C-alpha atoms as a PDB file:
ATOM      1  CA  MET A   1      20.073 -12.363  -5.106  1.00  0.00           C
ATOM      2  CA  LEU A   2      23.527 -11.592  -3.712  1.00  0.00           C
ATOM      3  CA  LEU A   3      25.051 -13.900  -6.299  1.00  0.00           C
ATOM      4  CA  ALA A   4      23.224 -12.026  -9.064  1.00  0.00           C
ATOM      5  CA  LEU A   5      24.540  -8.706  -7.746  1.00  0.00           C
ATOM      6  CA  LEU A   6      28.083 -10.032  -7.613  1.00  0.00           C
ATOM      7  CA  ALA A   7      27.806 -11.342 -11.153  1.00  0.00           C
ATOM      8  CA  ALA A   8      26.493  -7.980 -12.320  1.00  0.00           C
ATOM      9  CA  ALA A   9      29.326  -6.195 -10.534  1.00  0.00           C
ATOM     10  CA  CYS A  10      31.902  -8.270 -12.367  1.00  0.00           C
ATOM     11  CA  SER A  11      30.489  -7.450 -15.782  1.00  0.00           C
ATOM     12  CA  SER A  12      29.720  -3.745 -15.289  1.00  0.00           C
ATOM     13  CA  GLY A  13      32.515  -2.737 -17.642  1.00  0.00           C
ATOM     14  CA  ALA A  14      31.039  -4.590 -20.616  1.00  0.00           C
ATOM     15  CA  LYS A  15      29.604  -2.474 -23.389  1.00  0.00           C
ATOM     16  CA  THR A  16      26.045  -3.000 -24.571  1.00  0.00           C
ATOM     17  CA  SER A  17      24.974  -2.756 -28.219  1.00  0.00           C
ATOM     18  CA  THR A  18      24.249   0.957 -27.669  1.00  0.00           C
ATOM     19  CA  GLY A  19      27.872   1.647 -26.708  1.00  0.00           C
ATOM     20  CA  ARG A  20      26.978   2.252 -23.054  1.00  0.00           C
ATOM     21  CA  THR A  21      28.302   0.224 -20.180  1.00  0.00           C
ATOM     22  CA  GLU A  22      25.795  -1.994 -18.417  1.00  0.00           C
ATOM     23  CA  ARG A  23      25.829   0.370 -15.459  1.00  0.00           C
ATOM     24  CA  GLU A  24      24.987   3.336 -17.685  1.00  0.00           C
ATOM     25  CA  ALA A  25      22.155   1.403 -19.318  1.00  0.00           C
ATOM     26  CA  ASP A  26      20.839   0.293 -15.914  1.00  0.00           C
ATOM     27  CA  SER A  27      20.994   3.875 -14.696  1.00  0.00           C
ATOM     28  CA  VAL A  28      18.869   5.036 -17.627  1.00  0.00           C
ATOM     29  CA  ILE A  29      16.357   2.268 -16.934  1.00  0.00           C
ATOM     30  CA  GLY A  30      16.329   3.090 -13.215  1.00  0.00           C
ATOM     31  CA  GLN A  31      15.504   6.720 -13.925  1.00  0.00           C
ATOM     32  CA  SER A  32      12.670   5.836 -16.298  1.00  0.00           C
ATOM     33  CA  GLN A  33       9.003   5.352 -15.517  1.00  0.00           C
ATOM     34  CA  LEU A  34       9.095   1.681 -16.500  1.00  0.00           C
ATOM     35  CA  PRO A  35       7.594  -0.849 -14.103  1.00  0.00           C
ATOM     36  CA  GLY A  36      10.362  -2.179 -11.876  1.00  0.00           C
ATOM     37  CA  ALA A  37      12.620   0.824 -12.426  1.00  0.00           C
ATOM     38  CA  SER A  38      12.759   1.508  -8.699  1.00  0.00           C
ATOM     39  CA  GLY A  39      13.987  -2.061  -8.202  1.00  0.00           C
ATOM     40  CA  VAL A  40      16.841  -1.364 -10.603  1.00  0.00           C
ATOM     41  CA  GLN A  41      17.786   1.748  -8.630  1.00  0.00           C
ATOM     42  CA  LYS A  42      17.690  -0.193  -5.344  1.00  0.00           C
ATOM     43  CA  ALA A  43      19.859  -2.951  -6.804  1.00  0.00           C
ATOM     44  CA  MET A  44      22.406  -0.399  -8.011  1.00  0.00           C
ATOM     45  CA  ALA A  45      22.443   1.261  -4.573  1.00  0.00           C
ATOM     46  CA  SER A  46      22.948  -2.132  -2.949  1.00  0.00           C
ATOM     47  CA  GLN A  47      25.799  -2.883  -5.354  1.00  0.00           C
ATOM     48  CA  ASP A  48      27.440   0.460  -4.551  1.00  0.00           C
ATOM     49  CA  SER A  49      27.109  -0.218  -0.826  1.00  0.00           C
ATOM     50  CA  ALA A  50      28.638  -3.685  -1.156  1.00  0.00           C
ATOM     51  CA  ARG A  51      31.497  -2.289  -3.234  1.00  0.00           C
ATOM     52  CA  ALA A  52      32.168   0.407  -0.606  1.00  0.00           C
ATOM     53  CA  ARG A  53      32.143  -2.193   2.197  1.00  0.00           C
ATOM     54  CA  ALA A  54      34.570  -4.388   0.279  1.00  0.00           C
ATOM     55  CA  ALA A  55      36.894  -1.445  -0.325  1.00  0.00           C
ATOM     56  CA  ALA A  56      36.790  -0.549   3.378  1.00  0.00           C
ATOM     57  CA  LEU A  57      37.632  -4.132   4.345  1.00  0.00           C
ATOM     58  CA  ASP A  58      40.459  -4.222   1.803  1.00  0.00           C
ATOM     59  CA  SER A  59      41.936  -1.025   3.216  1.00  0.00           C
ATOM     60  CA  LEU A  60      41.727  -2.424   6.766  1.00  0.00           C
ATOM     61  CA  ALA A  61      43.500  -5.591   5.692  1.00  0.00           C
ATOM     62  CA  ALA A  62      46.210  -3.590   3.930  1.00  0.00           C
ATOM     63  CA  ALA A  63      46.778  -1.443   7.043  1.00  0.00           C
ATOM     64  CA  GLU A  64      47.585  -4.470   9.205  1.00  0.00           C
END
């Protein structure tokens, strides 16, 4: 699952056929009433948390 999140994080800038980024499309799906939408929201929150942790570690490494 972590590998899937990392792969999704790398491609979040790609545009879908609707002209939205993947993150924007996932956000719309997460806010919908579709089955599994809450799972999409949780995955996005987990991705945001991992990105924040990585940024914090990068800033610690740069400070040394």
